[in-house]
Amino acid sequence: MASSELRTELEEYLKQLDIETICVEHPEVFTVEEMMPHVEHLSGAITKNLFLKDKKKKGLWLVSARHDRQVNLNDLAKKLGVGSGNLRFADESTMLEKLRVGQGCATALALFCDKETSVKFVLDSDLVDGGHERVYFHPMTNAATMGLKPEDLLKFLKATGHEPILQSFE
């Protein structure tokens, strides 16, 4: 399915949940650095999203953190109890299978595609507790950035069955 169709599916899902969003279209980007010139005028928190696997238990993790936070995979692995050195970036085929997005498009908003809730979700606690007007993610495509209120993000996660593991990345 094309990313534009998935984006439409996501937008319809958010409407059903009565979640209002704002969206900025921009050229396709593959890094936060490439994206920033297009979104720096927005008020709120821009995110970076990492799709990871636990090489021992074969578990899958999606991590959403504020774009300016350092995410140390060894520290995170210890905090999550998967053992230092065990978190690695998952391959694109796994991300396509579970979240239906490819490289450069990892996003918490893709969790609505994970119907079996096989992906555990780690959320930077600052994104919900930091007083941000909105938090921004790609809407199933890296050619746009969508913002929603932190409480609406939590409503979305609850609706998808993904209880966030809140983590501080300060």
N, C-alpha and C. Protein backbone atom coordinates (compact mmCIF):
# COMPACT_ATOMS: atom_id res chain seq x y z
N MET A 1 0.85 -1.19 0.00
CA MET A 1 0.00 0.00 0.00
C MET A 1 0.89 1.24 0.00
N ALA A 2 0.55 2.20 -0.79
CA ALA A 2 1.34 3.44 -0.90
C ALA A 2 1.22 4.26 0.39
N SER A 3 2.27 5.03 0.67
CA SER A 3 2.27 5.83 1.89
C SER A 3 1.12 6.84 1.92
N SER A 4 0.69 7.32 0.73
CA SER A 4 -0.42 8.28 0.71
C SER A 4 -1.72 7.60 1.16
N GLU A 5 -1.90 6.33 0.78
CA GLU A 5 -3.10 5.59 1.22
C GLU A 5 -3.04 5.32 2.72
N LEU A 6 -1.85 4.96 3.21
CA LEU A 6 -1.68 4.72 4.64
C LEU A 6 -1.90 6.01 5.44
N ARG A 7 -1.43 7.11 4.89
CA ARG A 7 -1.62 8.39 5.56
C ARG A 7 -3.12 8.71 5.66
N THR A 8 -3.86 8.47 4.58
CA THR A 8 -5.31 8.69 4.59
C THR A 8 -5.97 7.79 5.64
N GLU A 9 -5.52 6.54 5.69
CA GLU A 9 -6.05 5.59 6.69
C GLU A 9 -5.78 6.10 8.11
N LEU A 10 -4.57 6.61 8.34
CA LEU A 10 -4.20 7.17 9.64
C LEU A 10 -5.09 8.38 9.97
N GLU A 11 -5.25 9.28 9.00
CA GLU A 11 -6.04 10.49 9.24
C GLU A 11 -7.49 10.13 9.58
N GLU A 12 -8.03 9.11 8.91
CA GLU A 12 -9.40 8.66 9.20
C GLU A 12 -9.48 8.06 10.61
N TYR A 13 -8.45 7.30 11.00
CA TYR A 13 -8.39 6.71 12.33
C TYR A 13 -8.37 7.81 13.40
N LEU A 14 -7.55 8.83 13.18
CA LEU A 14 -7.46 9.93 14.14
C LEU A 14 -8.79 10.69 14.23
N LYS A 15 -9.46 10.87 13.10
CA LYS A 15 -10.78 11.55 13.10
C LYS A 15 -11.78 10.75 13.92
N GLN A 16 -11.77 9.42 13.77
CA GLN A 16 -12.68 8.55 14.54
C GLN A 16 -12.45 8.73 16.04
N LEU A 17 -11.20 8.99 16.42
CA LEU A 17 -10.86 9.18 17.83
C LEU A 17 -11.09 10.63 18.27
N ASP A 18 -11.56 11.46 17.35
CA ASP A 18 -11.80 12.87 17.62
C ASP A 18 -10.50 13.60 17.99
N ILE A 19 -9.44 13.26 17.26
CA ILE A 19 -8.13 13.88 17.47
C ILE A 19 -7.86 14.86 16.35
N GLU A 20 -7.64 16.10 16.73
CA GLU A 20 -7.38 17.17 15.77
C GLU A 20 -5.85 17.27 15.58
N THR A 21 -5.44 17.40 14.33
CA THR A 21 -4.01 17.49 14.04
C THR A 21 -3.74 18.70 13.15
N ILE A 22 -2.47 19.08 13.10
CA ILE A 22 -2.03 20.04 12.10
C ILE A 22 -0.92 19.36 11.31
N CYS A 23 -0.78 19.73 10.06
CA CYS A 23 0.18 19.04 9.23
C CYS A 23 0.97 20.01 8.37
N VAL A 24 2.26 19.76 8.25
CA VAL A 24 3.15 20.55 7.40
C VAL A 24 3.71 19.62 6.33
N GLU A 25 3.49 19.99 5.08
CA GLU A 25 4.06 19.22 3.96
C GLU A 25 5.49 19.73 3.73
N HIS A 26 6.39 18.86 3.38
CA HIS A 26 7.77 19.25 3.08
C HIS A 26 8.40 18.20 2.17
N PRO A 27 9.58 18.51 1.61
CA PRO A 27 10.24 17.49 0.79
C PRO A 27 10.54 16.25 1.64
N GLU A 28 10.69 15.11 0.98
CA GLU A 28 11.03 13.87 1.68
C GLU A 28 12.34 14.06 2.44
N VAL A 29 12.36 13.66 3.71
CA VAL A 29 13.56 13.80 4.54
C VAL A 29 13.87 12.46 5.19
N PHE A 30 15.17 12.23 5.44
CA PHE A 30 15.57 10.96 6.05
C PHE A 30 16.25 11.12 7.40
N THR A 31 16.50 12.37 7.80
CA THR A 31 17.09 12.62 9.11
C THR A 31 16.39 13.81 9.74
N VAL A 32 16.51 13.91 11.06
CA VAL A 32 15.95 15.06 11.77
C VAL A 32 16.60 16.34 11.26
N GLU A 33 17.92 16.28 10.99
CA GLU A 33 18.64 17.47 10.52
C GLU A 33 18.05 17.98 9.20
N GLU A 34 17.72 17.05 8.30
CA GLU A 34 17.11 17.45 7.01
C GLU A 34 15.72 18.05 7.22
N MET A 35 15.02 17.56 8.24
CA MET A 35 13.65 17.99 8.48
C MET A 35 13.56 19.36 9.15
N MET A 36 14.51 19.68 10.02
CA MET A 36 14.39 20.85 10.88
C MET A 36 14.11 22.17 10.15
N PRO A 37 14.75 22.48 9.02
CA PRO A 37 14.44 23.76 8.37
C PRO A 37 12.96 23.89 8.00
N HIS A 38 12.28 22.77 7.81
CA HIS A 38 10.88 22.79 7.39
C HIS A 38 9.90 22.88 8.56
N VAL A 39 10.40 22.59 9.78
CA VAL A 39 9.49 22.51 10.92
C VAL A 39 9.89 23.40 12.10
N GLU A 40 11.01 24.13 11.96
CA GLU A 40 11.48 24.89 13.12
C GLU A 40 10.53 26.02 13.53
N HIS A 41 9.62 26.40 12.65
CA HIS A 41 8.65 27.45 12.99
C HIS A 41 7.50 26.93 13.85
N LEU A 42 7.38 25.63 13.99
CA LEU A 42 6.27 25.03 14.74
C LEU A 42 6.51 25.14 16.25
N SER A 43 5.43 25.34 17.00
CA SER A 43 5.61 25.37 18.45
C SER A 43 5.25 24.00 19.00
N GLY A 44 6.17 23.46 19.76
CA GLY A 44 5.98 22.11 20.30
C GLY A 44 7.27 21.33 20.18
N ALA A 45 7.16 20.02 20.34
CA ALA A 45 8.33 19.15 20.35
C ALA A 45 8.37 18.29 19.09
N ILE A 46 9.47 18.40 18.35
CA ILE A 46 9.72 17.56 17.19
C ILE A 46 10.32 16.25 17.72
N THR A 47 9.93 15.13 17.12
CA THR A 47 10.43 13.85 17.62
C THR A 47 11.40 13.19 16.65
N LYS A 48 12.19 12.30 17.22
CA LYS A 48 12.94 11.34 16.41
C LYS A 48 12.46 9.97 16.87
N ASN A 49 12.42 9.04 15.94
CA ASN A 49 11.84 7.73 16.20
C ASN A 49 12.79 6.64 15.76
N LEU A 50 13.03 5.69 16.64
CA LEU A 50 13.96 4.60 16.38
C LEU A 50 13.22 3.27 16.47
N PHE A 51 13.37 2.45 15.44
CA PHE A 51 12.76 1.12 15.45
C PHE A 51 13.87 0.13 15.75
N LEU A 52 13.74 -0.55 16.90
CA LEU A 52 14.83 -1.39 17.42
C LEU A 52 14.36 -2.81 17.66
N LYS A 53 15.35 -3.69 17.74
CA LYS A 53 15.04 -5.08 18.13
C LYS A 53 15.98 -5.48 19.26
N ASP A 54 15.50 -6.36 20.07
CA ASP A 54 16.27 -6.95 21.16
C ASP A 54 16.86 -8.23 20.59
N LYS A 55 18.17 -8.27 20.40
CA LYS A 55 18.74 -9.40 19.67
C LYS A 55 18.62 -10.73 20.41
N LYS A 56 18.46 -10.70 21.73
CA LYS A 56 18.32 -11.96 22.48
C LYS A 56 16.89 -12.48 22.48
N LYS A 57 15.95 -11.62 22.89
CA LYS A 57 14.56 -12.07 23.04
C LYS A 57 13.77 -11.87 21.75
N LYS A 58 14.37 -11.26 20.77
CA LYS A 58 13.73 -10.99 19.48
C LYS A 58 12.52 -10.04 19.60
N GLY A 59 12.48 -9.28 20.69
CA GLY A 59 11.40 -8.31 20.85
C GLY A 59 11.63 -7.09 19.98
N LEU A 60 10.55 -6.37 19.65
CA LEU A 60 10.64 -5.17 18.83
C LEU A 60 10.23 -3.96 19.67
N TRP A 61 10.94 -2.88 19.46
CA TRP A 61 10.72 -1.66 20.23
C TRP A 61 10.68 -0.47 19.28
N LEU A 62 9.75 0.43 19.53
CA LEU A 62 9.74 1.72 18.86
C LEU A 62 9.98 2.75 19.95
N VAL A 63 10.96 3.62 19.72
CA VAL A 63 11.32 4.65 20.69
C VAL A 63 11.05 6.01 20.06
N SER A 64 10.26 6.83 20.74
CA SER A 64 10.02 8.20 20.30
C SER A 64 10.57 9.14 21.36
N ALA A 65 11.51 9.97 20.94
CA ALA A 65 12.15 10.91 21.87
C ALA A 65 12.18 12.29 21.23
N ARG A 66 12.35 13.29 22.08
CA ARG A 66 12.51 14.64 21.55
C ARG A 66 13.72 14.64 20.63
N HIS A 67 13.62 15.37 19.53
CA HIS A 67 14.66 15.32 18.50
C HIS A 67 16.05 15.71 19.00
N ASP A 68 16.11 16.51 20.06
CA ASP A 68 17.41 17.00 20.55
C ASP A 68 17.95 16.16 21.71
N ARG A 69 17.35 15.02 21.96
CA ARG A 69 17.81 14.13 23.03
C ARG A 69 18.79 13.09 22.48
N GLN A 70 19.74 12.72 23.32
CA GLN A 70 20.67 11.64 23.02
C GLN A 70 19.99 10.35 23.45
N VAL A 71 19.92 9.35 22.59
CA VAL A 71 19.37 8.05 22.97
C VAL A 71 20.53 7.06 22.95
N ASN A 72 20.99 6.70 24.15
CA ASN A 72 22.08 5.74 24.28
C ASN A 72 21.45 4.34 24.36
N LEU A 73 21.68 3.54 23.32
CA LEU A 73 21.02 2.22 23.25
C LEU A 73 21.43 1.29 24.39
N ASN A 74 22.69 1.36 24.83
CA ASN A 74 23.12 0.50 25.95
C ASN A 74 22.41 0.89 27.24
N ASP A 75 22.34 2.21 27.52
CA ASP A 75 21.64 2.67 28.73
C ASP A 75 20.17 2.30 28.67
N LEU A 76 19.58 2.51 27.50
CA LEU A 76 18.16 2.22 27.34
C LEU A 76 17.90 0.72 27.53
N ALA A 77 18.75 -0.11 26.96
CA ALA A 77 18.60 -1.57 27.09
C ALA A 77 18.62 -1.97 28.57
N LYS A 78 19.53 -1.37 29.36
CA LYS A 78 19.60 -1.68 30.79
C LYS A 78 18.30 -1.26 31.48
N LYS A 79 17.82 -0.04 31.18
CA LYS A 79 16.59 0.45 31.82
C LYS A 79 15.38 -0.40 31.46
N LEU A 80 15.37 -0.95 30.25
CA LEU A 80 14.24 -1.77 29.81
C LEU A 80 14.39 -3.23 30.22
N GLY A 81 15.55 -3.56 30.78
CA GLY A 81 15.78 -4.93 31.25
C GLY A 81 16.10 -5.92 30.16
N VAL A 82 16.58 -5.44 29.01
CA VAL A 82 16.93 -6.38 27.93
C VAL A 82 18.43 -6.67 27.90
N GLY A 83 19.18 -6.02 28.79
CA GLY A 83 20.62 -6.28 28.86
C GLY A 83 21.41 -5.37 27.95
N SER A 84 22.47 -4.81 28.49
CA SER A 84 23.33 -3.89 27.74
C SER A 84 23.84 -4.54 26.47
N GLY A 85 23.84 -3.77 25.39
CA GLY A 85 24.37 -4.27 24.12
C GLY A 85 23.39 -5.08 23.31
N ASN A 86 22.17 -5.24 23.82
CA ASN A 86 21.21 -6.10 23.12
C ASN A 86 20.23 -5.37 22.21
N LEU A 87 20.19 -4.04 22.27
CA LEU A 87 19.29 -3.31 21.38
C LEU A 87 20.04 -2.90 20.12
N ARG A 88 19.44 -3.20 18.99
CA ARG A 88 20.01 -2.87 17.68
C ARG A 88 18.89 -2.29 16.82
N PHE A 89 19.28 -1.59 15.76
CA PHE A 89 18.28 -1.13 14.80
C PHE A 89 17.72 -2.35 14.09
N ALA A 90 16.41 -2.40 13.98
CA ALA A 90 15.76 -3.50 13.27
C ALA A 90 15.85 -3.23 11.77
N ASP A 91 15.77 -4.30 10.99
CA ASP A 91 15.88 -4.10 9.55
C ASP A 91 14.58 -3.56 8.97
N GLU A 92 14.72 -2.96 7.80
CA GLU A 92 13.59 -2.29 7.17
C GLU A 92 12.45 -3.26 6.86
N SER A 93 12.76 -4.49 6.48
CA SER A 93 11.69 -5.44 6.15
C SER A 93 10.80 -5.72 7.36
N THR A 94 11.39 -5.76 8.55
CA THR A 94 10.61 -5.98 9.78
C THR A 94 9.73 -4.77 10.05
N MET A 95 10.28 -3.58 9.84
CA MET A 95 9.50 -2.36 10.05
C MET A 95 8.33 -2.30 9.06
N LEU A 96 8.58 -2.67 7.82
CA LEU A 96 7.51 -2.68 6.81
C LEU A 96 6.43 -3.70 7.18
N GLU A 97 6.85 -4.84 7.70
CA GLU A 97 5.90 -5.89 8.08
C GLU A 97 5.04 -5.46 9.27
N LYS A 98 5.66 -4.88 10.29
CA LYS A 98 4.96 -4.56 11.54
C LYS A 98 4.26 -3.20 11.52
N LEU A 99 4.93 -2.18 10.95
CA LEU A 99 4.41 -0.82 11.02
C LEU A 99 3.99 -0.26 9.66
N ARG A 100 4.31 -1.02 8.60
CA ARG A 100 3.94 -0.64 7.23
C ARG A 100 4.60 0.66 6.75
N VAL A 101 5.73 1.00 7.34
CA VAL A 101 6.52 2.14 6.87
C VAL A 101 7.96 1.69 6.69
N GLY A 102 8.68 2.40 5.82
CA GLY A 102 10.06 2.05 5.54
C GLY A 102 11.04 3.02 6.18
N GLN A 103 12.28 2.90 5.77
CA GLN A 103 13.37 3.70 6.31
C GLN A 103 13.05 5.20 6.20
N GLY A 104 13.34 5.93 7.28
CA GLY A 104 13.10 7.36 7.29
C GLY A 104 11.68 7.73 7.67
N CYS A 105 10.82 6.72 7.85
CA CYS A 105 9.40 6.98 8.14
C CYS A 105 8.95 6.44 9.50
N ALA A 106 9.87 5.93 10.31
CA ALA A 106 9.48 5.40 11.62
C ALA A 106 8.71 6.49 12.37
N THR A 107 7.59 6.10 12.96
CA THR A 107 6.72 7.06 13.63
C THR A 107 5.82 6.35 14.62
N ALA A 108 5.57 6.99 15.75
CA ALA A 108 4.63 6.44 16.73
C ALA A 108 3.25 6.28 16.12
N LEU A 109 2.93 7.11 15.13
CA LEU A 109 1.60 7.06 14.51
C LEU A 109 1.39 5.77 13.71
N ALA A 110 2.48 5.07 13.38
CA ALA A 110 2.35 3.80 12.65
C ALA A 110 1.89 2.67 13.57
N LEU A 111 1.84 2.92 14.87
CA LEU A 111 1.43 1.86 15.79
C LEU A 111 -0.01 1.40 15.55
N PHE A 112 -0.80 2.22 14.86
CA PHE A 112 -2.17 1.76 14.55
C PHE A 112 -2.15 0.59 13.56
N CYS A 113 -1.01 0.36 12.90
CA CYS A 113 -0.86 -0.78 11.98
C CYS A 113 -0.46 -2.06 12.71
N ASP A 114 0.05 -1.92 13.94
CA ASP A 114 0.52 -3.07 14.71
C ASP A 114 -0.65 -3.68 15.48
N LYS A 115 -1.51 -4.37 14.75
CA LYS A 115 -2.75 -4.90 15.33
C LYS A 115 -2.48 -5.96 16.40
N GLU A 116 -1.38 -6.71 16.29
CA GLU A 116 -1.07 -7.73 17.30
C GLU A 116 -0.33 -7.15 18.50
N THR A 117 -0.11 -5.85 18.51
CA THR A 117 0.67 -5.15 19.55
C THR A 117 1.97 -5.90 19.86
N SER A 118 2.69 -6.25 18.79
CA SER A 118 3.96 -6.96 18.95
C SER A 118 5.13 -6.00 19.14
N VAL A 119 4.89 -4.69 18.95
CA VAL A 119 5.94 -3.69 19.12
C VAL A 119 5.72 -2.97 20.45
N LYS A 120 6.75 -3.01 21.31
CA LYS A 120 6.66 -2.27 22.58
C LYS A 120 7.05 -0.82 22.29
N PHE A 121 6.41 0.11 22.99
CA PHE A 121 6.60 1.52 22.69
C PHE A 121 7.22 2.26 23.87
N VAL A 122 8.38 2.89 23.63
CA VAL A 122 9.06 3.70 24.63
C VAL A 122 8.90 5.16 24.24
N LEU A 123 8.39 5.96 25.18
CA LEU A 123 8.09 7.36 24.91
C LEU A 123 8.88 8.25 25.85
N ASP A 124 9.57 9.22 25.28
CA ASP A 124 10.27 10.24 26.07
C ASP A 124 9.23 10.92 26.95
N SER A 125 9.39 10.82 28.27
CA SER A 125 8.39 11.38 29.19
C SER A 125 8.21 12.88 28.98
N ASP A 126 9.24 13.56 28.48
CA ASP A 126 9.13 15.00 28.23
C ASP A 126 8.05 15.31 27.19
N LEU A 127 7.79 14.38 26.29
CA LEU A 127 6.80 14.63 25.23
C LEU A 127 5.39 14.74 25.79
N VAL A 128 5.12 14.09 26.92
CA VAL A 128 3.80 14.19 27.52
C VAL A 128 3.78 15.06 28.77
N ASP A 129 4.91 15.20 29.44
CA ASP A 129 4.96 15.98 30.69
C ASP A 129 5.68 17.32 30.55
N GLY A 130 6.18 17.63 29.36
CA GLY A 130 7.02 18.82 29.19
C GLY A 130 6.29 20.10 28.89
N GLY A 131 4.97 20.07 28.92
CA GLY A 131 4.20 21.28 28.67
C GLY A 131 4.18 21.72 27.20
N HIS A 132 4.43 20.79 26.29
CA HIS A 132 4.45 21.13 24.86
C HIS A 132 3.03 21.31 24.34
N GLU A 133 2.86 22.30 23.47
CA GLU A 133 1.55 22.53 22.85
C GLU A 133 1.19 21.35 21.96
N ARG A 134 2.15 20.89 21.18
CA ARG A 134 1.96 19.73 20.31
C ARG A 134 3.25 18.92 20.24
N VAL A 135 3.09 17.66 19.85
CA VAL A 135 4.24 16.80 19.56
C VAL A 135 4.09 16.37 18.10
N TYR A 136 5.22 16.29 17.41
CA TYR A 136 5.22 16.12 15.95
C TYR A 136 5.87 14.81 15.52
N PHE A 137 5.18 14.14 14.60
CA PHE A 137 5.63 12.86 14.04
C PHE A 137 5.34 12.87 12.54
N HIS A 138 6.00 11.96 11.80
CA HIS A 138 5.65 11.76 10.40
C HIS A 138 4.30 11.02 10.34
N PRO A 139 3.40 11.42 9.43
CA PRO A 139 2.13 10.71 9.28
C PRO A 139 2.21 9.62 8.22
N MET A 140 3.03 8.59 8.47
CA MET A 140 3.20 7.43 7.57
C MET A 140 4.01 7.78 6.32
N THR A 141 4.50 8.99 6.24
CA THR A 141 5.34 9.42 5.12
C THR A 141 6.36 10.41 5.66
N ASN A 142 7.56 10.40 5.10
CA ASN A 142 8.57 11.36 5.55
C ASN A 142 8.55 12.63 4.70
N ALA A 143 7.43 12.85 4.00
CA ALA A 143 7.25 14.09 3.22
C ALA A 143 6.23 15.01 3.90
N ALA A 144 6.01 14.77 5.19
CA ALA A 144 5.11 15.62 5.97
C ALA A 144 5.39 15.41 7.45
N THR A 145 4.96 16.36 8.26
CA THR A 145 5.09 16.26 9.71
C THR A 145 3.75 16.66 10.32
N MET A 146 3.25 15.80 11.22
CA MET A 146 1.93 16.00 11.81
C MET A 146 2.07 16.25 13.31
N GLY A 147 1.34 17.25 13.78
CA GLY A 147 1.36 17.57 15.20
C GLY A 147 0.04 17.27 15.87
N LEU A 148 0.13 16.71 17.09
CA LEU A 148 -1.06 16.50 17.88
C LEU A 148 -0.76 16.85 19.32
N LYS A 149 -1.80 17.13 20.08
CA LYS A 149 -1.62 17.49 21.49
C LYS A 149 -1.13 16.26 22.25
N PRO A 150 -0.27 16.46 23.26
CA PRO A 150 0.25 15.32 24.03
C PRO A 150 -0.85 14.41 24.57
N GLU A 151 -1.95 14.99 25.06
CA GLU A 151 -3.02 14.15 25.60
C GLU A 151 -3.70 13.35 24.49
N ASP A 152 -3.72 13.90 23.27
CA ASP A 152 -4.28 13.16 22.14
C ASP A 152 -3.35 12.03 21.71
N LEU A 153 -2.05 12.24 21.84
CA LEU A 153 -1.10 11.15 21.57
C LEU A 153 -1.39 9.99 22.51
N LEU A 154 -1.59 10.28 23.79
CA LEU A 154 -1.88 9.23 24.76
C LEU A 154 -3.20 8.54 24.45
N LYS A 155 -4.19 9.31 24.01
CA LYS A 155 -5.49 8.74 23.62
C LYS A 155 -5.31 7.78 22.43
N PHE A 156 -4.51 8.21 21.44
CA PHE A 156 -4.21 7.39 20.27
C PHE A 156 -3.53 6.08 20.69
N LEU A 157 -2.52 6.18 21.55
CA LEU A 157 -1.78 5.00 21.99
C LEU A 157 -2.69 4.02 22.71
N LYS A 158 -3.54 4.54 23.57
CA LYS A 158 -4.48 3.69 24.30
C LYS A 158 -5.41 2.97 23.32
N ALA A 159 -5.90 3.70 22.33
CA ALA A 159 -6.81 3.11 21.33
C ALA A 159 -6.13 2.00 20.52
N THR A 160 -4.82 2.13 20.31
CA THR A 160 -4.10 1.10 19.54
C THR A 160 -3.64 -0.06 20.41
N GLY A 161 -3.81 0.07 21.73
CA GLY A 161 -3.38 -0.99 22.65
C GLY A 161 -1.91 -0.93 23.00
N HIS A 162 -1.26 0.21 22.76
CA HIS A 162 0.17 0.36 23.06
C HIS A 162 0.35 1.27 24.28
N GLU A 163 0.52 0.65 25.42
CA GLU A 163 0.77 1.39 26.66
C GLU A 163 2.22 1.89 26.60
N PRO A 164 2.44 3.21 26.63
CA PRO A 164 3.82 3.68 26.50
C PRO A 164 4.64 3.43 27.77
N ILE A 165 5.88 3.06 27.56
CA ILE A 165 6.84 2.97 28.66
C ILE A 165 7.52 4.34 28.70
N LEU A 166 7.16 5.15 29.70
CA LEU A 166 7.71 6.50 29.77
C LEU A 166 9.15 6.45 30.29
N GLN A 167 10.02 7.15 29.59
CA GLN A 167 11.45 7.11 29.87
C GLN A 167 12.01 8.52 29.77
N SER A 168 12.88 8.88 30.69
CA SER A 168 13.53 10.18 30.61
C SER A 168 14.83 10.05 29.82
N PHE A 169 15.04 10.96 28.86
CA PHE A 169 16.27 10.94 28.07
C PHE A 169 17.13 12.18 28.35
N GLU A 170 16.92 12.80 29.53
CA GLU A 170 17.69 14.00 29.86
C GLU A 170 19.10 13.66 30.24
